[in-house]
C-alpha atoms as a PDB file:
ATOM      1  CA  MET A   1       5.929  -0.578  18.674  1.00  0.00           C
ATOM      2  CA  ASP A   2       4.431   2.266  16.644  1.00  0.00           C
ATOM      3  CA  VAL A   3       0.860   1.866  15.437  1.00  0.00           C
ATOM      4  CA  THR A   4       0.340   5.576  14.775  1.00  0.00           C
ATOM      5  CA  ALA A   5       0.564   7.489  11.506  1.00  0.00           C
ATOM      6  CA  ASN A   6       2.508  10.241  13.279  1.00  0.00           C
ATOM      7  CA  PRO A   7       5.733  11.691  11.785  1.00  0.00           C
ATOM      8  CA  ALA A   8       6.939  12.692  15.276  1.00  0.00           C
ATOM      9  CA  ALA A   9       6.779   9.076  16.449  1.00  0.00           C
ATOM     10  CA  ALA A  10       8.806   7.923  13.433  1.00  0.00           C
ATOM     11  CA  LYS A  11      11.585  10.384  14.312  1.00  0.00           C
ATOM     12  CA  CYS A  12      12.252   8.394  17.509  1.00  0.00           C
ATOM     13  CA  TYR A  13      13.294   5.221  15.687  1.00  0.00           C
ATOM     14  CA  ALA A  14      16.956   6.136  15.205  1.00  0.00           C
ATOM     15  CA  ASP A  15      17.469   6.907  18.905  1.00  0.00           C
ATOM     16  CA  LEU A  16      15.866   3.604  19.873  1.00  0.00           C
ATOM     17  CA  LEU A  17      17.880   1.534  17.412  1.00  0.00           C
ATOM     18  CA  GLU A  18      21.119   3.184  18.589  1.00  0.00           C
ATOM     19  CA  LYS A  19      20.269   1.877  22.082  1.00  0.00           C
ATOM     20  CA  SER A  20      19.722  -1.636  20.651  1.00  0.00           C
ATOM     21  CA  VAL A  21      15.959  -1.362  21.149  1.00  0.00           C
ATOM     22  CA  ALA A  22      13.968  -3.188  18.466  1.00  0.00           C
ATOM     23  CA  VAL A  23      11.391  -1.189  16.537  1.00  0.00           C
ATOM     24  CA  VAL A  24       8.162  -2.623  15.103  1.00  0.00           C
ATOM     25  CA  ALA A  25       6.404  -0.073  12.910  1.00  0.00           C
ATOM     26  CA  CYS A  26       2.953  -0.103  11.394  1.00  0.00           C
ATOM     27  CA  ASN A  27       3.563   3.605  10.732  1.00  0.00           C
ATOM     28  CA  LYS A  28       4.673   4.050   7.086  1.00  0.00           C
ATOM     29  CA  VAL A  29       6.236   7.481   7.568  1.00  0.00           C
ATOM     30  CA  ALA A  30       9.808   6.357   8.267  1.00  0.00           C
ATOM     31  CA  CYS A  31      10.186   3.922   5.387  1.00  0.00           C
ATOM     32  CA  SER A  32       8.567   6.256   2.869  1.00  0.00           C
ATOM     33  CA  SER A  33      10.428   9.407   3.917  1.00  0.00           C
ATOM     34  CA  ASP A  34      13.611  10.520   2.121  1.00  0.00           C
ATOM     35  CA  TYR A  35      15.861   7.646   1.094  1.00  0.00           C
ATOM     36  CA  ALA A  36      18.777   8.764   3.285  1.00  0.00           C
ATOM     37  CA  SER A  37      16.628   8.490   6.434  1.00  0.00           C
ATOM     38  CA  TYR A  38      15.293   5.075   5.409  1.00  0.00           C
ATOM     39  CA  ALA A  39      18.824   3.805   4.660  1.00  0.00           C
ATOM     40  CA  ARG A  40      20.119   5.122   7.991  1.00  0.00           C
ATOM     41  CA  LEU A  41      17.482   3.206   9.929  1.00  0.00           C
ATOM     42  CA  LYS A  42      18.313   0.006   8.063  1.00  0.00           C
ATOM     43  CA  SER A  43      22.003   0.584   8.773  1.00  0.00           C
ATOM     44  CA  LEU A  44      21.451   1.286  12.468  1.00  0.00           C
ATOM     45  CA  SER A  45      19.409  -1.886  12.769  1.00  0.00           C
ATOM     46  CA  LYS A  46      22.374  -3.915  11.529  1.00  0.00           C
ATOM     47  CA  GLU A  47      25.029  -1.970  13.435  1.00  0.00           C
ATOM     48  CA  PHE A  48      23.312  -2.238  16.819  1.00  0.00           C
ATOM     49  CA  ASN A  49      21.734  -5.665  16.247  1.00  0.00           C
ATOM     50  CA  ALA A  50      18.258  -4.267  16.821  1.00  0.00           C
ATOM     51  CA  SER A  51      15.358  -5.456  14.701  1.00  0.00           C
ATOM     52  CA  PHE A  52      13.600  -2.870  12.528  1.00  0.00           C
ATOM     53  CA  LEU A  53      10.454  -4.610  11.310  1.00  0.00           C
ATOM     54  CA  PHE A  54       7.605  -3.053   9.325  1.00  0.00           C
ATOM     55  CA  GLU A  55       5.712  -5.893   7.616  1.00  0.00           C
ATOM     56  CA  THR A  56       2.384  -4.128   8.113  1.00  0.00           C
ATOM     57  CA  ASN A  57       3.554  -1.121   6.058  1.00  0.00           C
ATOM     58  CA  VAL A  58       2.336  -3.073   3.018  1.00  0.00           C
ATOM     59  CA  GLY A  59      -0.609  -5.482   2.964  1.00  0.00           C
ATOM     60  CA  ALA A  60      -1.506  -5.399   6.671  1.00  0.00           C
ATOM     61  CA  GLY A  61      -0.807  -8.930   7.954  1.00  0.00           C
ATOM     62  CA  LEU A  62       0.154 -10.411   4.572  1.00  0.00           C
ATOM     63  CA  PRO A  63       3.767 -11.684   4.273  1.00  0.00           C
ATOM     64  CA  VAL A  64       4.664  -9.246   1.487  1.00  0.00           C
ATOM     65  CA  ILE A  65       7.856  -7.622   2.764  1.00  0.00           C
ATOM     66  CA  GLY A  66       9.024 -10.863   4.368  1.00  0.00           C
ATOM     67  CA  THR A  67       8.600 -12.720   1.068  1.00  0.00           C
ATOM     68  CA  LEU A  68      10.412  -9.963  -0.818  1.00  0.00           C
ATOM     69  CA  ASN A  69      13.274 -10.058   1.709  1.00  0.00           C
ATOM     70  CA  ASP A  70      13.536 -13.846   1.388  1.00  0.00           C
ATOM     71  CA  LEU A  71      13.803 -13.513  -2.395  1.00  0.00           C
ATOM     72  CA  THR A  72      16.555 -10.904  -2.345  1.00  0.00           C
ATOM     73  CA  ARG A  73      18.518 -12.435   0.540  1.00  0.00           C
ATOM     74  CA  SER A  74      18.609 -15.746  -1.308  1.00  0.00           C
ATOM     75  CA  GLY A  75      20.062 -14.096  -4.407  1.00  0.00           C
ATOM     76  CA  ASP A  76      16.983 -13.537  -6.549  1.00  0.00           C
ATOM     77  CA  VAL A  77      16.436 -10.234  -8.365  1.00  0.00           C
ATOM     78  CA  VAL A  78      13.022  -8.579  -8.534  1.00  0.00           C
ATOM     79  CA  ARG A  79      12.444  -7.298 -12.075  1.00  0.00           C
ATOM     80  CA  ARG A  80       8.777  -6.318 -11.913  1.00  0.00           C
ATOM     81  CA  MET A  81       5.978  -5.968  -9.398  1.00  0.00           C
ATOM     82  CA  GLN A  82       2.295  -5.501 -10.063  1.00  0.00           C
ATOM     83  CA  ALA A  83      -0.042  -5.067  -7.133  1.00  0.00           C
ATOM     84  CA  VAL A  84      -3.311  -3.933  -5.642  1.00  0.00           C
ATOM     85  CA  LEU A  85      -2.122  -2.458  -2.358  1.00  0.00           C
ATOM     86  CA  SER A  86      -5.154  -0.592  -1.053  1.00  0.00           C
ATOM     87  CA  GLY A  87      -7.788  -2.631   0.733  1.00  0.00           C
ATOM     88  CA  THR A  88      -9.789   0.580   0.845  1.00  0.00           C
ATOM     89  CA  LEU A  89      -9.766   1.207  -2.901  1.00  0.00           C
ATOM     90  CA  ASN A  90     -10.390  -2.443  -3.696  1.00  0.00           C
ATOM     91  CA  PHE A  91     -13.358  -2.448  -1.291  1.00  0.00           C
ATOM     92  CA  VAL A  92     -14.698   0.766  -2.825  1.00  0.00           C
ATOM     93  CA  PHE A  93     -14.464  -0.328  -6.455  1.00  0.00           C
ATOM     94  CA  ASN A  94     -15.786  -3.799  -5.666  1.00  0.00           C
ATOM     95  CA  ASN A  95     -18.849  -2.270  -4.010  1.00  0.00           C
ATOM     96  CA  TYR A  96     -19.543   0.682  -6.284  1.00  0.00           C
ATOM     97  CA  ASP A  97     -21.940  -0.131  -9.111  1.00  0.00           C
ATOM     98  CA  GLY A  98     -23.756   3.191  -9.478  1.00  0.00           C
ATOM     99  CA  SER A  99     -26.742   2.055  -7.430  1.00  0.00           C
ATOM    100  CA  ARG A 100     -25.636   4.296  -4.555  1.00  0.00           C
ATOM    101  CA  PRO A 101     -23.311   7.300  -4.512  1.00  0.00           C
ATOM    102  CA  PHE A 102     -19.550   6.798  -4.666  1.00  0.00           C
ATOM    103  CA  ALA A 103     -19.158   8.994  -1.568  1.00  0.00           C
ATOM    104  CA  GLU A 104     -21.474   6.688   0.362  1.00  0.00           C
ATOM    105  CA  VAL A 105     -19.361   3.632  -0.478  1.00  0.00           C
ATOM    106  CA  VAL A 106     -16.209   5.471   0.639  1.00  0.00           C
ATOM    107  CA  ARG A 107     -17.953   6.478   3.865  1.00  0.00           C
ATOM    108  CA  GLN A 108     -18.820   2.813   4.462  1.00  0.00           C
ATOM    109  CA  ALA A 109     -15.164   1.839   3.990  1.00  0.00           C
ATOM    110  CA  GLN A 110     -14.132   4.432   6.571  1.00  0.00           C
ATOM    111  CA  THR A 111     -16.839   3.340   9.028  1.00  0.00           C
ATOM    112  CA  GLU A 112     -15.754  -0.290   8.744  1.00  0.00           C
ATOM    113  CA  GLY A 113     -12.142   0.659   9.497  1.00  0.00           C
ATOM    114  CA  TYR A 114     -10.533   0.047   6.108  1.00  0.00           C
ATOM    115  CA  THR A 115      -9.262   3.558   5.391  1.00  0.00           C
ATOM    116  CA  GLU A 116      -6.365   5.610   6.693  1.00  0.00           C
ATOM    117  CA  PRO A 117      -7.383   8.123   9.408  1.00  0.00           C
ATOM    118  CA  ASP A 118      -7.672  10.608   6.546  1.00  0.00           C
ATOM    119  CA  PRO A 119      -9.358   8.707   3.658  1.00  0.00           C
ATOM    120  CA  ARG A 120      -7.928  11.171   1.155  1.00  0.00           C
ATOM    121  CA  LEU A 121      -4.573   9.409   1.543  1.00  0.00           C
ATOM    122  CA  ASP A 122      -6.230   6.278   0.141  1.00  0.00           C
ATOM    123  CA  LEU A 123      -8.376   7.861  -2.555  1.00  0.00           C
ATOM    124  CA  SER A 124      -5.652  10.192  -3.845  1.00  0.00           C
ATOM    125  CA  GLY A 125      -3.265   7.284  -4.379  1.00  0.00           C
ATOM    126  CA  SER A 126      -0.675   8.710  -1.965  1.00  0.00           C
ATOM    127  CA  ASP A 127      -0.846   5.743   0.397  1.00  0.00           C
ATOM    128  CA  VAL A 128      -0.459   3.241  -2.449  1.00  0.00           C
ATOM    129  CA  ALA A 129       2.502   5.275  -3.738  1.00  0.00           C
ATOM    130  CA  ARG A 130       4.161   5.020  -0.330  1.00  0.00           C
ATOM    131  CA  LYS A 131       3.669   1.255  -0.355  1.00  0.00           C
ATOM    132  CA  ILE A 132       5.173   0.632  -3.799  1.00  0.00           C
ATOM    133  CA  LEU A 133       8.036   2.957  -2.826  1.00  0.00           C
ATOM    134  CA  ILE A 134       8.760   0.807   0.230  1.00  0.00           C
ATOM    135  CA  LEU A 135       8.660  -2.374  -1.857  1.00  0.00           C
ATOM    136  CA  ALA A 136      10.956  -0.877  -4.492  1.00  0.00           C
ATOM    137  CA  ARG A 137      13.438   0.131  -1.799  1.00  0.00           C
ATOM    138  CA  GLU A 138      13.315  -3.304  -0.201  1.00  0.00           C
ATOM    139  CA  ALA A 139      13.995  -4.721  -3.680  1.00  0.00           C
ATOM    140  CA  GLY A 140      17.210  -2.684  -3.767  1.00  0.00           C
ATOM    141  CA  GLN A 141      16.199   0.505  -5.570  1.00  0.00           C
ATOM    142  CA  VAL A 142      17.340   3.955  -4.490  1.00  0.00           C
ATOM    143  CA  MET A 143      14.065   5.796  -4.999  1.00  0.00           C
ATOM    144  CA  GLU A 144      12.236   8.835  -3.620  1.00  0.00           C
ATOM    145  CA  MET A 145       8.508   9.531  -3.381  1.00  0.00           C
ATOM    146  CA  SER A 146       8.912  12.152  -6.113  1.00  0.00           C
ATOM    147  CA  ASP A 147       9.961   9.330  -8.460  1.00  0.00           C
ATOM    148  CA  ILE A 148       6.520   7.659  -8.192  1.00  0.00           C
ATOM    149  CA  ASP A 149       4.068   8.620 -10.925  1.00  0.00           C
ATOM    150  CA  ILE A 150       0.674   9.097  -9.206  1.00  0.00           C
ATOM    151  CA  GLU A 151      -2.211   8.976 -11.683  1.00  0.00           C
ATOM    152  CA  THR A 152      -5.132  10.246  -9.610  1.00  0.00           C
ATOM    153  CA  PHE A 153      -8.738   9.609 -10.633  1.00  0.00           C
ATOM    154  CA  LEU A 154     -10.173  12.234  -8.264  1.00  0.00           C
ATOM    155  CA  PRO A 155     -11.300  15.640  -9.530  1.00  0.00           C
ATOM    156  CA  PRO A 156      -8.951  18.319  -8.064  1.00  0.00           C
ATOM    157  CA  ALA A 157     -11.784  19.861  -6.023  1.00  0.00           C
ATOM    158  CA  CYS A 158     -12.064  16.650  -3.985  1.00  0.00           C
ATOM    159  CA  LEU A 159      -8.618  17.216  -2.485  1.00  0.00           C
ATOM    160  CA  GLU A 160      -9.343  20.715  -1.192  1.00  0.00           C
ATOM    161  CA  GLY A 161     -10.459  21.533   2.337  1.00  0.00           C
ATOM    162  CA  ASP A 162     -11.036  19.118   5.212  1.00  0.00           C
ATOM    163  CA  VAL A 163     -12.394  15.559   5.240  1.00  0.00           C
ATOM    164  CA  GLU A 164     -16.035  16.633   5.273  1.00  0.00           C
ATOM    165  CA  ALA A 165     -15.383  18.920   2.308  1.00  0.00           C
ATOM    166  CA  PHE A 166     -13.870  15.881   0.597  1.00  0.00           C
ATOM    167  CA  TYR A 167     -17.119  13.950   0.995  1.00  0.00           C
ATOM    168  CA  THR A 168     -19.159  16.930  -0.159  1.00  0.00           C
ATOM    169  CA  GLN A 169     -17.080  17.286  -3.323  1.00  0.00           C
ATOM    170  CA  MET A 170     -17.243  13.559  -4.073  1.00  0.00           C
ATOM    171  CA  ALA A 171     -21.037  13.755  -3.912  1.00  0.00           C
ATOM    172  CA  ALA A 172     -20.994  16.760  -6.230  1.00  0.00           C
ATOM    173  CA  HIS A 173     -18.882  14.838  -8.764  1.00  0.00           C
ATOM    174  CA  GLU A 174     -20.937  11.635  -8.745  1.00  0.00           C
ATOM    175  CA  ALA A 175     -21.290  11.810 -12.548  1.00  0.00           C
ATOM    176  CA  HIS A 176     -17.503  11.581 -12.875  1.00  0.00           C
ATOM    177  CA  PHE A 177     -17.293   8.373 -10.829  1.00  0.00           C
ATOM    178  CA  ARG A 178     -20.290   6.868 -12.578  1.00  0.00           C
ATOM    179  CA  ALA A 179     -18.636   7.537 -15.950  1.00  0.00           C
ATOM    180  CA  LEU A 180     -15.505   5.662 -14.842  1.00  0.00           C
ATOM    181  CA  TYR A 181     -17.624   2.686 -13.770  1.00  0.00           C
ATOM    182  CA  ASP A 182     -19.765   2.695 -16.911  1.00  0.00           C
ATOM    183  CA  ALA A 183     -16.736   2.835 -19.226  1.00  0.00           C
ATOM    184  CA  ALA A 184     -15.134  -0.189 -17.561  1.00  0.00           C
ATOM    185  CA  THR A 185     -18.396  -2.144 -17.511  1.00  0.00           C
ATOM    186  CA  ALA A 186     -19.060  -1.442 -21.191  1.00  0.00           C
ATOM    187  CA  ALA A 187     -15.629  -2.879 -21.989  1.00  0.00           C
ATOM    188  CA  GLY A 188     -16.322  -6.006 -19.894  1.00  0.00           C
ATOM    189  CA  LYS A 189     -13.651  -4.999 -17.385  1.00  0.00           C
ATOM    190  CA  ARG A 190     -13.341  -4.080 -13.702  1.00  0.00           C
ATOM    191  CA  LEU A 191     -11.732  -1.059 -12.099  1.00  0.00           C
ATOM    192  CA  LYS A 192      -8.653  -1.688  -9.954  1.00  0.00           C
ATOM    193  CA  PHE A 193      -6.199   0.786  -8.478  1.00  0.00           C
ATOM    194  CA  VAL A 194      -2.898  -0.770  -9.516  1.00  0.00           C
ATOM    195  CA  ALA A 195       0.693  -0.179  -8.405  1.00  0.00           C
ATOM    196  CA  ARG A 196       3.399  -1.033 -10.932  1.00  0.00           C
ATOM    197  CA  TYR A 197       7.171  -1.325 -10.677  1.00  0.00           C
ATOM    198  CA  ALA A 198       9.521  -2.230 -13.528  1.00  0.00           C
ATOM    199  CA  ASP A 199      13.067  -1.360 -14.569  1.00  0.00           C
ATOM    200  CA  GLY A 200      13.619   1.027 -11.675  1.00  0.00           C
ATOM    201  CA  ARG A 201      10.415   3.007 -12.256  1.00  0.00           C
ATOM    202  CA  ALA A 202       7.097   2.940 -10.407  1.00  0.00           C
ATOM    203  CA  ALA A 203       3.572   4.273 -10.911  1.00  0.00           C
ATOM    204  CA  VAL A 204       0.122   3.957  -9.375  1.00  0.00           C
ATOM    205  CA  GLY A 205      -3.261   4.567 -10.962  1.00  0.00           C
ATOM    206  CA  LEU A 206      -6.755   3.365 -11.762  1.00  0.00           C
ATOM    207  CA  GLN A 207      -6.899   0.730 -14.515  1.00  0.00           C
ATOM    208  CA  GLN A 208      -9.524  -1.270 -16.348  1.00  0.00           C
ATOM    209  CA  VAL A 209      -8.624  -4.922 -15.764  1.00  0.00           C
ATOM    210  CA  ALA A 210      -9.797  -7.595 -18.199  1.00  0.00           C
ATOM    211  CA  PRO A 211     -11.121 -11.084 -17.315  1.00  0.00           C
ATOM    212  CA  GLY A 212      -8.334 -13.636 -16.930  1.00  0.00           C
ATOM    213  CA  HIS A 213      -5.900 -11.176 -15.394  1.00  0.00           C
ATOM    214  CA  ASP A 214      -4.542 -12.040 -11.938  1.00  0.00           C
ATOM    215  CA  LEU A 215      -6.122  -8.873 -10.540  1.00  0.00           C
ATOM    216  CA  TYR A 216      -9.583  -9.267 -12.088  1.00  0.00           C
ATOM    217  CA  ASP A 217     -11.193 -11.517  -9.455  1.00  0.00           C
ATOM    218  CA  LEU A 218      -9.731  -9.729  -6.440  1.00  0.00           C
ATOM    219  CA  ARG A 219     -12.654  -9.338  -4.039  1.00  0.00           C
ATOM    220  CA  GLY A 220     -13.602  -7.408  -0.922  1.00  0.00           C
ATOM    221  CA  LYS A 221     -10.706  -5.639   0.757  1.00  0.00           C
ATOM    222  CA  ASP A 222      -8.072  -8.078  -0.516  1.00  0.00           C
ATOM    223  CA  ASN A 223      -4.574  -7.084  -1.608  1.00  0.00           C
ATOM    224  CA  VAL A 224      -2.351  -8.956  -4.027  1.00  0.00           C
ATOM    225  CA  VAL A 225       1.292  -8.589  -5.050  1.00  0.00           C
ATOM    226  CA  LEU A 226       2.768 -10.275  -8.122  1.00  0.00           C
ATOM    227  CA  PHE A 227       6.561 -10.663  -8.009  1.00  0.00           C
ATOM    228  CA  TYR A 228       8.304 -11.239 -11.346  1.00  0.00           C
ATOM    229  CA  THR A 229      11.926 -12.185 -10.683  1.00  0.00           C
ATOM    230  CA  ASP A 230      14.851 -14.031 -12.231  1.00  0.00           C
ATOM    231  CA  ARG A 231      13.357 -17.212 -10.765  1.00  0.00           C
ATOM    232  CA  TYR A 232       9.694 -16.363 -11.327  1.00  0.00           C
ATOM    233  CA  VAL A 233       9.834 -15.170 -14.918  1.00  0.00           C
ATOM    234  CA  GLU A 234       6.607 -16.136 -16.688  1.00  0.00           C
ATOM    235  CA  GLN A 235       4.427 -17.101 -13.720  1.00  0.00           C
ATOM    236  CA  PRO A 236       4.838 -14.664 -10.812  1.00  0.00           C
ATOM    237  CA  LEU A 237       5.118 -15.447  -7.144  1.00  0.00           C
ATOM    238  CA  VAL A 238       1.770 -14.299  -5.738  1.00  0.00           C
ATOM    239  CA  VAL A 239       0.941 -13.076  -2.224  1.00  0.00           C
ATOM    240  CA  LYS A 240      -2.784 -12.504  -1.783  1.00  0.00           C
ATOM    241  CA  GLY A 241      -5.300 -11.973   1.021  1.00  0.00           C
ATOM    242  CA  ALA A 242      -7.053  -9.429   3.212  1.00  0.00           C
ATOM    243  CA  GLY A 243      -5.048  -6.212   3.120  1.00  0.00           C
ATOM    244  CA  ALA A 244      -7.039  -3.957   5.443  1.00  0.00           C
ATOM    245  CA  GLY A 245      -8.831  -4.121   8.765  1.00  0.00           C
ATOM    246  CA  ALA A 246      -7.905  -3.953  12.430  1.00  0.00           C
ATOM    247  CA  GLU A 247      -7.663  -7.704  13.079  1.00  0.00           C
ATOM    248  CA  VAL A 248      -5.340  -8.620  10.206  1.00  0.00           C
ATOM    249  CA  THR A 249      -3.185  -5.548  10.809  1.00  0.00           C
ATOM    250  CA  ALA A 250      -2.923  -6.368  14.510  1.00  0.00           C
ATOM    251  CA  SER A 251      -1.910  -9.941  13.665  1.00  0.00           C
ATOM    252  CA  GLY A 252       0.868  -8.626  11.432  1.00  0.00           C
ATOM    253  CA  VAL A 253       2.145  -6.271  14.123  1.00  0.00           C
ATOM    254  CA  PHE A 254       2.084  -9.058  16.697  1.00  0.00           C
ATOM    255  CA  ALA A 255       3.949 -11.393  14.322  1.00  0.00           C
ATOM    256  CA  ASP A 256       6.697  -8.756  13.992  1.00  0.00           C
ATOM    257  CA  ILE A 257       6.877  -8.453  17.786  1.00  0.00           C
ATOM    258  CA  VAL A 258       7.373 -12.216  18.039  1.00  0.00           C
ATOM    259  CA  ARG A 259      10.111 -12.076  15.380  1.00  0.00           C
ATOM    260  CA  ALA A 260      11.886  -9.276  17.222  1.00  0.00           C
ATOM    261  CA  ALA A 261      11.724 -11.229  20.511  1.00  0.00           C
ATOM    262  CA  ARG A 262      13.307 -14.297  18.863  1.00  0.00           C
ATOM    263  CA  LEU A 263      16.237 -12.460  17.321  1.00  0.00           C
END
């Protein structure tokens, strides 16, 4: 079981699977690395009858990957996906209203345990890109991280230096974040960081979401994934719930352990 975010730990998976040792990974590194490595791990899992389970790579304890696997194994084809996959970003944009600095809201998200160890992975969109990449691959696409279009909303200066420099730069660019909020509010919309997949292409970025949209009323740290498939054409199959936090992530990891023990 790997609950780190360490690339070195992910490199051990192949050796374990070749010895018929099941692997449960919260670590997203392996499944979002180059496609050849991802495909090899999936192949080794089948060849040596060793479970390779990583439900918590996307949506913490939500049954996102399991639902996607059930769809494809039963013959359905995923045509489109639309999702909010960052509990951190959803928490931040649900709590930022200009009454306190954007950097302060991000700091709160980190303190409450919703962010990656380095919150820049969340705010830059890199972590969301890794998640939609994993979903696209599980849907049958041969895709690399370089194929994901990342539309960042952060000023470039915010991504320079260490984590504390990141917070300092966010505070210095408060007017930028306030302008994003004000523009959405003036249009009667809400800001959501959305991941999209369609026709073999994927992108992530900040969007203004209008009332009535499935993403508009997403609250707190919730995640949601909308699957549009050959069976779910007009009305998508929806998986929704808390997508960040230690307890829900731990429950997802434990559920994978139980699955591995039963197989």
